[in-house]
Amino acid sequence: LEQMGKIINLPPGEYVKSFRVLLSTFAVADTR
């Protein structure tokens, strides 16, 4: 959760990569 907080606070140039990483992580967790 602390790391996700850091990810969402990255600069806008990182938003697309952050979205990819966060959504892929959520997909695994939600499937479980």
PDB file of all heavy atoms in Angstrom:
ATOM      1  N   LEU A   1       0.823  -1.210   0.000  1.00  0.00           N
ATOM      2  CA  LEU A   1       0.000   0.000   0.000  1.00  0.00           C
ATOM      3  C   LEU A   1       0.855   1.258   0.000  1.00  0.00           C
ATOM      4  O   LEU A   1       0.523   2.242  -0.668  1.00  0.00           O
ATOM      5  CB  LEU A   1      -0.969  -0.006   1.173  1.00  0.00           C
ATOM      6  CG  LEU A   1      -2.022  -1.110   1.140  1.00  0.00           C
ATOM      7  CD1 LEU A   1      -2.941  -1.014   2.348  1.00  0.00           C
ATOM      8  CD2 LEU A   1      -2.814  -1.071  -0.146  1.00  0.00           C
ATOM      9  N   GLU A   2       1.957   1.228   0.713  1.00  0.00           N
ATOM     10  CA  GLU A   2       2.873   2.370   0.699  1.00  0.00           C
ATOM     11  C   GLU A   2       3.469   2.548  -0.697  1.00  0.00           C
ATOM     12  O   GLU A   2       3.591   3.669  -1.196  1.00  0.00           O
ATOM     13  CB  GLU A   2       3.986   2.140   1.723  1.00  0.00           C
ATOM     14  CG  GLU A   2       4.965   3.292   1.810  1.00  0.00           C
ATOM     15  CD  GLU A   2       6.036   3.035   2.855  1.00  0.00           C
ATOM     16  OE1 GLU A   2       5.695   2.560   3.958  1.00  0.00           O
ATOM     17  OE2 GLU A   2       7.214   3.311   2.555  1.00  0.00           O
ATOM     18  N   GLN A   3       3.812   1.451  -1.334  1.00  0.00           N
ATOM     19  CA  GLN A   3       4.392   1.520  -2.679  1.00  0.00           C
ATOM     20  C   GLN A   3       3.367   2.025  -3.699  1.00  0.00           C
ATOM     21  O   GLN A   3       3.694   2.811  -4.585  1.00  0.00           O
ATOM     22  CB  GLN A   3       4.952   0.155  -3.098  1.00  0.00           C
ATOM     23  CG  GLN A   3       5.997  -0.410  -2.159  1.00  0.00           C
ATOM     24  CD  GLN A   3       7.106   0.566  -1.809  1.00  0.00           C
ATOM     25  OE1 GLN A   3       7.601   1.300  -2.663  1.00  0.00           O
ATOM     26  NE2 GLN A   3       7.496   0.583  -0.549  1.00  0.00           N
ATOM     27  N   MET A   4       2.109   1.591  -3.552  1.00  0.00           N
ATOM     28  CA  MET A   4       1.062   2.090  -4.450  1.00  0.00           C
ATOM     29  C   MET A   4       0.879   3.595  -4.256  1.00  0.00           C
ATOM     30  O   MET A   4       0.646   4.319  -5.228  1.00  0.00           O
ATOM     31  CB  MET A   4      -0.248   1.350  -4.212  1.00  0.00           C
ATOM     32  CG  MET A   4      -0.252  -0.055  -4.740  1.00  0.00           C
ATOM     33  SD  MET A   4      -1.864  -0.833  -4.469  1.00  0.00           S
ATOM     34  CE  MET A   4      -1.655  -2.327  -5.400  1.00  0.00           C
ATOM     35  N   GLY A   5       0.993   4.055  -3.021  1.00  0.00           N
ATOM     36  CA  GLY A   5       0.923   5.485  -2.749  1.00  0.00           C
ATOM     37  C   GLY A   5       2.023   6.242  -3.465  1.00  0.00           C
ATOM     38  O   GLY A   5       1.804   7.335  -4.008  1.00  0.00           O
ATOM     39  N   LYS A   6       3.218   5.669  -3.486  1.00  0.00           N
ATOM     40  CA  LYS A   6       4.331   6.291  -4.209  1.00  0.00           C
ATOM     41  C   LYS A   6       4.060   6.301  -5.712  1.00  0.00           C
ATOM     42  O   LYS A   6       4.364   7.270  -6.403  1.00  0.00           O
ATOM     43  CB  LYS A   6       5.640   5.551  -3.918  1.00  0.00           C
ATOM     44  CG  LYS A   6       6.130   5.735  -2.498  1.00  0.00           C
ATOM     45  CD  LYS A   6       7.386   4.911  -2.261  1.00  0.00           C
ATOM     46  CE  LYS A   6       7.861   5.025  -0.827  1.00  0.00           C
ATOM     47  NZ  LYS A   6       9.059   4.186  -0.572  1.00  0.00           N
ATOM     48  N   ILE A   7       3.499   5.214  -6.212  1.00  0.00           N
ATOM     49  CA  ILE A   7       3.224   5.111  -7.653  1.00  0.00           C
ATOM     50  C   ILE A   7       2.234   6.185  -8.091  1.00  0.00           C
ATOM     51  O   ILE A   7       2.443   6.849  -9.108  1.00  0.00           O
ATOM     52  CB  ILE A   7       2.722   3.697  -8.027  1.00  0.00           C
ATOM     53  CG1 ILE A   7       3.852   2.687  -7.858  1.00  0.00           C
ATOM     54  CG2 ILE A   7       2.170   3.669  -9.451  1.00  0.00           C
ATOM     55  CD1 ILE A   7       3.421   1.230  -7.947  1.00  0.00           C
ATOM     56  N   ILE A   8       1.157   6.372  -7.335  1.00  0.00           N
ATOM     57  CA  ILE A   8       0.156   7.361  -7.770  1.00  0.00           C
ATOM     58  C   ILE A   8       0.653   8.787  -7.598  1.00  0.00           C
ATOM     59  O   ILE A   8       0.051   9.711  -8.143  1.00  0.00           O
ATOM     60  CB  ILE A   8      -1.218   7.172  -7.079  1.00  0.00           C
ATOM     61  CG1 ILE A   8      -1.112   7.321  -5.582  1.00  0.00           C
ATOM     62  CG2 ILE A   8      -1.846   5.850  -7.489  1.00  0.00           C
ATOM     63  CD1 ILE A   8      -2.446   7.248  -4.859  1.00  0.00           C
ATOM     64  N   ASN A   9       1.753   8.962  -6.884  1.00  0.00           N
ATOM     65  CA  ASN A   9       2.333  10.297  -6.728  1.00  0.00           C
ATOM     66  C   ASN A   9       3.514  10.548  -7.657  1.00  0.00           C
ATOM     67  O   ASN A   9       4.179  11.577  -7.534  1.00  0.00           O
ATOM     68  CB  ASN A   9       2.729  10.528  -5.268  1.00  0.00           C
ATOM     69  CG  ASN A   9       1.504  10.759  -4.405  1.00  0.00           C
ATOM     70  OD1 ASN A   9       0.674  11.604  -4.723  1.00  0.00           O
ATOM     71  ND2 ASN A   9       1.376   9.996  -3.339  1.00  0.00           N
ATOM     72  N   LEU A  10       3.755   9.630  -8.590  1.00  0.00           N
ATOM     73  CA  LEU A  10       4.792   9.865  -9.589  1.00  0.00           C
ATOM     74  C   LEU A  10       4.345  11.000 -10.514  1.00  0.00           C
ATOM     75  O   LEU A  10       3.149  11.287 -10.619  1.00  0.00           O
ATOM     76  CB  LEU A  10       5.057   8.584 -10.395  1.00  0.00           C
ATOM     77  CG  LEU A  10       5.730   7.447  -9.625  1.00  0.00           C
ATOM     78  CD1 LEU A  10       5.752   6.175 -10.454  1.00  0.00           C
ATOM     79  CD2 LEU A  10       7.150   7.850  -9.211  1.00  0.00           C
ATOM     80  N   PRO A  11       5.274  11.627 -11.214  1.00  0.00           N
ATOM     81  CA  PRO A  11       4.901  12.729 -12.115  1.00  0.00           C
ATOM     82  C   PRO A  11       4.036  12.249 -13.287  1.00  0.00           C
ATOM     83  O   PRO A  11       4.043  11.058 -13.632  1.00  0.00           O
ATOM     84  CB  PRO A  11       6.238  13.280 -12.598  1.00  0.00           C
ATOM     85  CG  PRO A  11       7.262  12.270 -12.250  1.00  0.00           C
ATOM     86  CD  PRO A  11       6.703  11.390 -11.165  1.00  0.00           C
ATOM     87  N   PRO A  12       3.287  13.168 -13.905  1.00  0.00           N
ATOM     88  CA  PRO A  12       2.383  12.808 -15.005  1.00  0.00           C
ATOM     89  C   PRO A  12       3.031  12.010 -16.136  1.00  0.00           C
ATOM     90  O   PRO A  12       2.363  11.178 -16.757  1.00  0.00           O
ATOM     91  CB  PRO A  12       1.877  14.162 -15.509  1.00  0.00           C
ATOM     92  CG  PRO A  12       1.940  15.042 -14.295  1.00  0.00           C
ATOM     93  CD  PRO A  12       3.174  14.587 -13.552  1.00  0.00           C
ATOM     94  N   GLY A  13       4.301  12.206 -16.377  1.00  0.00           N
ATOM     95  CA  GLY A  13       4.984  11.437 -17.424  1.00  0.00           C
ATOM     96  C   GLY A  13       5.036   9.948 -17.133  1.00  0.00           C
ATOM     97  O   GLY A  13       5.307   9.145 -18.024  1.00  0.00           O
ATOM     98  N   GLU A  14       4.751   9.568 -15.893  1.00  0.00           N
ATOM     99  CA  GLU A  14       4.757   8.161 -15.474  1.00  0.00           C
ATOM    100  C   GLU A  14       3.353   7.568 -15.375  1.00  0.00           C
ATOM    101  O   GLU A  14       3.198   6.395 -15.039  1.00  0.00           O
ATOM    102  CB  GLU A  14       5.453   8.028 -14.113  1.00  0.00           C
ATOM    103  CG  GLU A  14       6.907   8.452 -14.103  1.00  0.00           C
ATOM    104  CD  GLU A  14       7.805   7.457 -14.815  1.00  0.00           C
ATOM    105  OE1 GLU A  14       7.634   6.250 -14.606  1.00  0.00           O
ATOM    106  OE2 GLU A  14       8.666   7.898 -15.585  1.00  0.00           O
ATOM    107  N   TYR A  15       2.323   8.358 -15.629  1.00  0.00           N
ATOM    108  CA  TYR A  15       0.942   7.911 -15.410  1.00  0.00           C
ATOM    109  C   TYR A  15       0.573   6.676 -16.234  1.00  0.00           C
ATOM    110  O   TYR A  15      -0.065   5.766 -15.713  1.00  0.00           O
ATOM    111  CB  TYR A  15      -0.056   9.031 -15.703  1.00  0.00           C
ATOM    112  CG  TYR A  15      -0.172  10.093 -14.627  1.00  0.00           C
ATOM    113  CD1 TYR A  15       0.589  10.075 -13.460  1.00  0.00           C
ATOM    114  CD2 TYR A  15      -1.060  11.139 -14.784  1.00  0.00           C
ATOM    115  CE1 TYR A  15       0.473  11.052 -12.494  1.00  0.00           C
ATOM    116  CE2 TYR A  15      -1.196  12.129 -13.813  1.00  0.00           C
ATOM    117  CZ  TYR A  15      -0.426  12.075 -12.671  1.00  0.00           C
ATOM    118  OH  TYR A  15      -0.554  13.050 -11.716  1.00  0.00           O
ATOM    119  N   VAL A  16       0.940   6.627 -17.499  1.00  0.00           N
ATOM    120  CA  VAL A  16       0.537   5.478 -18.322  1.00  0.00           C
ATOM    121  C   VAL A  16       1.219   4.208 -17.822  1.00  0.00           C
ATOM    122  O   VAL A  16       0.565   3.166 -17.677  1.00  0.00           O
ATOM    123  CB  VAL A  16       0.813   5.725 -19.821  1.00  0.00           C
ATOM    124  CG1 VAL A  16       0.610   4.453 -20.633  1.00  0.00           C
ATOM    125  CG2 VAL A  16      -0.083   6.839 -20.353  1.00  0.00           C
ATOM    126  N   LYS A  17       2.513   4.279 -17.524  1.00  0.00           N
ATOM    127  CA  LYS A  17       3.208   3.099 -16.981  1.00  0.00           C
ATOM    128  C   LYS A  17       2.613   2.714 -15.632  1.00  0.00           C
ATOM    129  O   LYS A  17       2.425   1.527 -15.345  1.00  0.00           O
ATOM    130  CB  LYS A  17       4.707   3.377 -16.841  1.00  0.00           C
ATOM    131  CG  LYS A  17       5.435   3.423 -18.170  1.00  0.00           C
ATOM    132  CD  LYS A  17       6.907   3.653 -17.970  1.00  0.00           C
ATOM    133  CE  LYS A  17       7.097   5.144 -17.886  1.00  0.00           C
ATOM    134  NZ  LYS A  17       8.463   5.615 -17.998  1.00  0.00           N
ATOM    135  N   SER A  18       2.298   3.710 -14.825  1.00  0.00           N
ATOM    136  CA  SER A  18       1.688   3.441 -13.517  1.00  0.00           C
ATOM    137  C   SER A  18       0.337   2.761 -13.674  1.00  0.00           C
ATOM    138  O   SER A  18       0.022   1.806 -12.950  1.00  0.00           O
ATOM    139  CB  SER A  18       1.529   4.750 -12.741  1.00  0.00           C
ATOM    140  OG  SER A  18       2.794   5.326 -12.476  1.00  0.00           O
ATOM    141  N   PHE A  19      -0.466   3.238 -14.616  1.00  0.00           N
ATOM    142  CA  PHE A  19      -1.776   2.635 -14.877  1.00  0.00           C
ATOM    143  C   PHE A  19      -1.611   1.178 -15.278  1.00  0.00           C
ATOM    144  O   PHE A  19      -2.313   0.300 -14.769  1.00  0.00           O
ATOM    145  CB  PHE A  19      -2.503   3.432 -15.964  1.00  0.00           C
ATOM    146  CG  PHE A  19      -3.847   2.887 -16.329  1.00  0.00           C
ATOM    147  CD1 PHE A  19      -4.918   2.942 -15.439  1.00  0.00           C
ATOM    148  CD2 PHE A  19      -4.067   2.325 -17.584  1.00  0.00           C
ATOM    149  CE1 PHE A  19      -6.178   2.452 -15.785  1.00  0.00           C
ATOM    150  CE2 PHE A  19      -5.314   1.832 -17.941  1.00  0.00           C
ATOM    151  CZ  PHE A  19      -6.372   1.895 -17.037  1.00  0.00           C
ATOM    152  N   ARG A  20      -0.675   0.905 -16.175  1.00  0.00           N
ATOM    153  CA  ARG A  20      -0.437  -0.467 -16.624  1.00  0.00           C
ATOM    154  C   ARG A  20      -0.072  -1.377 -15.447  1.00  0.00           C
ATOM    155  O   ARG A  20      -0.613  -2.472 -15.299  1.00  0.00           O
ATOM    156  CB  ARG A  20       0.685  -0.510 -17.668  1.00  0.00           C
ATOM    157  CG  ARG A  20       0.322   0.035 -19.013  1.00  0.00           C
ATOM    158  CD  ARG A  20       1.573   0.064 -19.925  1.00  0.00           C
ATOM    159  NE  ARG A  20       1.201   0.214 -21.303  1.00  0.00           N
ATOM    160  CZ  ARG A  20       0.796  -0.774 -22.096  1.00  0.00           C
ATOM    161  NH1 ARG A  20       0.693  -2.000 -21.638  1.00  0.00           N
ATOM    162  NH2 ARG A  20       0.465  -0.534 -23.352  1.00  0.00           N
ATOM    163  N   VAL A  21       0.853  -0.914 -14.618  1.00  0.00           N
ATOM    164  CA  VAL A  21       1.328  -1.717 -13.489  1.00  0.00           C
ATOM    165  C   VAL A  21       0.224  -1.910 -12.457  1.00  0.00           C
ATOM    166  O   VAL A  21      -0.022  -3.028 -11.989  1.00  0.00           O
ATOM    167  CB  VAL A  21       2.581  -1.054 -12.867  1.00  0.00           C
ATOM    168  CG1 VAL A  21       2.912  -1.660 -11.512  1.00  0.00           C
ATOM    169  CG2 VAL A  21       3.767  -1.164 -13.818  1.00  0.00           C
ATOM    170  N   LEU A  22      -0.447  -0.829 -12.094  1.00  0.00           N
ATOM    171  CA  LEU A  22      -1.504  -0.928 -11.078  1.00  0.00           C
ATOM    172  C   LEU A  22      -2.676  -1.771 -11.563  1.00  0.00           C
ATOM    173  O   LEU A  22      -3.206  -2.598 -10.810  1.00  0.00           O
ATOM    174  CB  LEU A  22      -1.979   0.465 -10.674  1.00  0.00           C
ATOM    175  CG  LEU A  22      -0.978   1.299  -9.885  1.00  0.00           C
ATOM    176  CD1 LEU A  22      -1.470   2.737  -9.756  1.00  0.00           C
ATOM    177  CD2 LEU A  22      -0.694   0.689  -8.529  1.00  0.00           C
ATOM    178  N   LEU A  23      -3.089  -1.588 -12.805  1.00  0.00           N
ATOM    179  CA  LEU A  23      -4.224  -2.346 -13.323  1.00  0.00           C
ATOM    180  C   LEU A  23      -3.885  -3.827 -13.449  1.00  0.00           C
ATOM    181  O   LEU A  23      -4.704  -4.687 -13.129  1.00  0.00           O
ATOM    182  CB  LEU A  23      -4.686  -1.769 -14.665  1.00  0.00           C
ATOM    183  CG  LEU A  23      -5.933  -2.396 -15.275  1.00  0.00           C
ATOM    184  CD1 LEU A  23      -7.095  -2.449 -14.289  1.00  0.00           C
ATOM    185  CD2 LEU A  23      -6.337  -1.629 -16.535  1.00  0.00           C
ATOM    186  N   SER A  24      -2.680  -4.138 -13.863  1.00  0.00           N
ATOM    187  CA  SER A  24      -2.272  -5.542 -13.969  1.00  0.00           C
ATOM    188  C   SER A  24      -2.200  -6.207 -12.594  1.00  0.00           C
ATOM    189  O   SER A  24      -2.574  -7.367 -12.443  1.00  0.00           O
ATOM    190  CB  SER A  24      -0.919  -5.639 -14.684  1.00  0.00           C
ATOM    191  OG  SER A  24      -1.037  -5.172 -16.004  1.00  0.00           O
ATOM    192  N   THR A  25      -1.748  -5.458 -11.604  1.00  0.00           N
ATOM    193  CA  THR A  25      -1.709  -5.976 -10.232  1.00  0.00           C
ATOM    194  C   THR A  25      -3.128  -6.199  -9.717  1.00  0.00           C
ATOM    195  O   THR A  25      -3.434  -7.242  -9.134  1.00  0.00           O
ATOM    196  CB  THR A  25      -0.947  -4.999  -9.310  1.00  0.00           C
ATOM    197  OG1 THR A  25       0.393  -4.876  -9.797  1.00  0.00           O
ATOM    198  CG2 THR A  25      -0.946  -5.480  -7.870  1.00  0.00           C
ATOM    199  N   PHE A  26      -4.002  -5.217  -9.958  1.00  0.00           N
ATOM    200  CA  PHE A  26      -5.395  -5.362  -9.541  1.00  0.00           C
ATOM    201  C   PHE A  26      -6.039  -6.571 -10.213  1.00  0.00           C
ATOM    202  O   PHE A  26      -6.774  -7.326  -9.566  1.00  0.00           O
ATOM    203  CB  PHE A  26      -6.205  -4.099  -9.859  1.00  0.00           C
ATOM    204  CG  PHE A  26      -7.684  -4.309  -9.724  1.00  0.00           C
ATOM    205  CD1 PHE A  26      -8.244  -4.556  -8.480  1.00  0.00           C
ATOM    206  CD2 PHE A  26      -8.507  -4.295 -10.834  1.00  0.00           C
ATOM    207  CE1 PHE A  26      -9.615  -4.781  -8.352  1.00  0.00           C
ATOM    208  CE2 PHE A  26      -9.869  -4.514 -10.725  1.00  0.00           C
ATOM    209  CZ  PHE A  26     -10.430  -4.764  -9.480  1.00  0.00           C
ATOM    210  N   ALA A  27      -5.766  -6.776 -11.483  1.00  0.00           N
ATOM    211  CA  ALA A  27      -6.368  -7.899 -12.210  1.00  0.00           C
ATOM    212  C   ALA A  27      -6.023  -9.227 -11.545  1.00  0.00           C
ATOM    213  O   ALA A  27      -6.884 -10.106 -11.399  1.00  0.00           O
ATOM    214  CB  ALA A  27      -5.919  -7.888 -13.674  1.00  0.00           C
ATOM    215  N   VAL A  28      -4.784  -9.375 -11.121  1.00  0.00           N
ATOM    216  CA  VAL A  28      -4.370 -10.615 -10.445  1.00  0.00           C
ATOM    217  C   VAL A  28      -5.096 -10.746  -9.109  1.00  0.00           C
ATOM    218  O   VAL A  28      -5.659 -11.798  -8.795  1.00  0.00           O
ATOM    219  CB  VAL A  28      -2.835 -10.642 -10.252  1.00  0.00           C
ATOM    220  CG1 VAL A  28      -2.419 -11.831  -9.384  1.00  0.00           C
ATOM    221  CG2 VAL A  28      -2.127 -10.687 -11.597  1.00  0.00           C
ATOM    222  N   ALA A  29      -5.094  -9.674  -8.319  1.00  0.00           N
ATOM    223  CA  ALA A  29      -5.733  -9.710  -6.999  1.00  0.00           C
ATOM    224  C   ALA A  29      -7.235  -9.947  -7.115  1.00  0.00           C
ATOM    225  O   ALA A  29      -7.812 -10.729  -6.356  1.00  0.00           O
ATOM    226  CB  ALA A  29      -5.457  -8.411  -6.249  1.00  0.00           C
ATOM    227  N   ASP A  30      -7.880  -9.282  -8.066  1.00  0.00           N
ATOM    228  CA  ASP A  30      -9.323  -9.420  -8.218  1.00  0.00           C
ATOM    229  C   ASP A  30      -9.706 -10.808  -8.716  1.00  0.00           C
ATOM    230  O   ASP A  30     -10.725 -11.352  -8.307  1.00  0.00           O
ATOM    231  CB  ASP A  30      -9.857  -8.335  -9.164  1.00  0.00           C
ATOM    232  CG  ASP A  30     -11.368  -8.287  -9.165  1.00  0.00           C
ATOM    233  OD1 ASP A  30     -11.956  -8.030  -8.084  1.00  0.00           O
ATOM    234  OD2 ASP A  30     -11.976  -8.509 -10.232  1.00  0.00           O
ATOM    235  N   THR A  31      -8.887 -11.377  -9.581  1.00  0.00           N
ATOM    236  CA  THR A  31      -9.151 -12.743 -10.053  1.00  0.00           C
ATOM    237  C   THR A  31      -9.131 -13.704  -8.868  1.00  0.00           C
ATOM    238  O   THR A  31     -10.024 -14.549  -8.729  1.00  0.00           O
ATOM    239  CB  THR A  31      -8.127 -13.164 -11.117  1.00  0.00           C
ATOM    240  OG1 THR A  31      -8.277 -12.295 -12.246  1.00  0.00           O
ATOM    241  CG2 THR A  31      -8.324 -14.608 -11.548  1.00  0.00           C
ATOM    242  N   ARG A  32      -8.135 -13.549  -8.007  1.00  0.00           N
ATOM    243  CA  ARG A  32      -8.064 -14.394  -6.811  1.00  0.00           C
ATOM    244  C   ARG A  32      -9.306 -14.200  -5.950  1.00  0.00           C
ATOM    245  O   ARG A  32      -9.913 -15.165  -5.482  1.00  0.00           O
ATOM    246  CB  ARG A  32      -6.792 -14.072  -6.005  1.00  0.00           C
ATOM    247  CG  ARG A  32      -6.618 -14.993  -4.802  1.00  0.00           C
ATOM    248  CD  ARG A  32      -5.449 -14.623  -3.910  1.00  0.00           C
ATOM    249  NE  ARG A  32      -5.648 -13.307  -3.310  1.00  0.00           N
ATOM    250  CZ  ARG A  32      -4.980 -12.208  -3.642  1.00  0.00           C
ATOM    251  NH1 ARG A  32      -4.064 -12.253  -4.591  1.00  0.00           N
ATOM    252  NH2 ARG A  32      -5.227 -11.058  -3.042  1.00  0.00           N
TER     253      ARG A  32
END
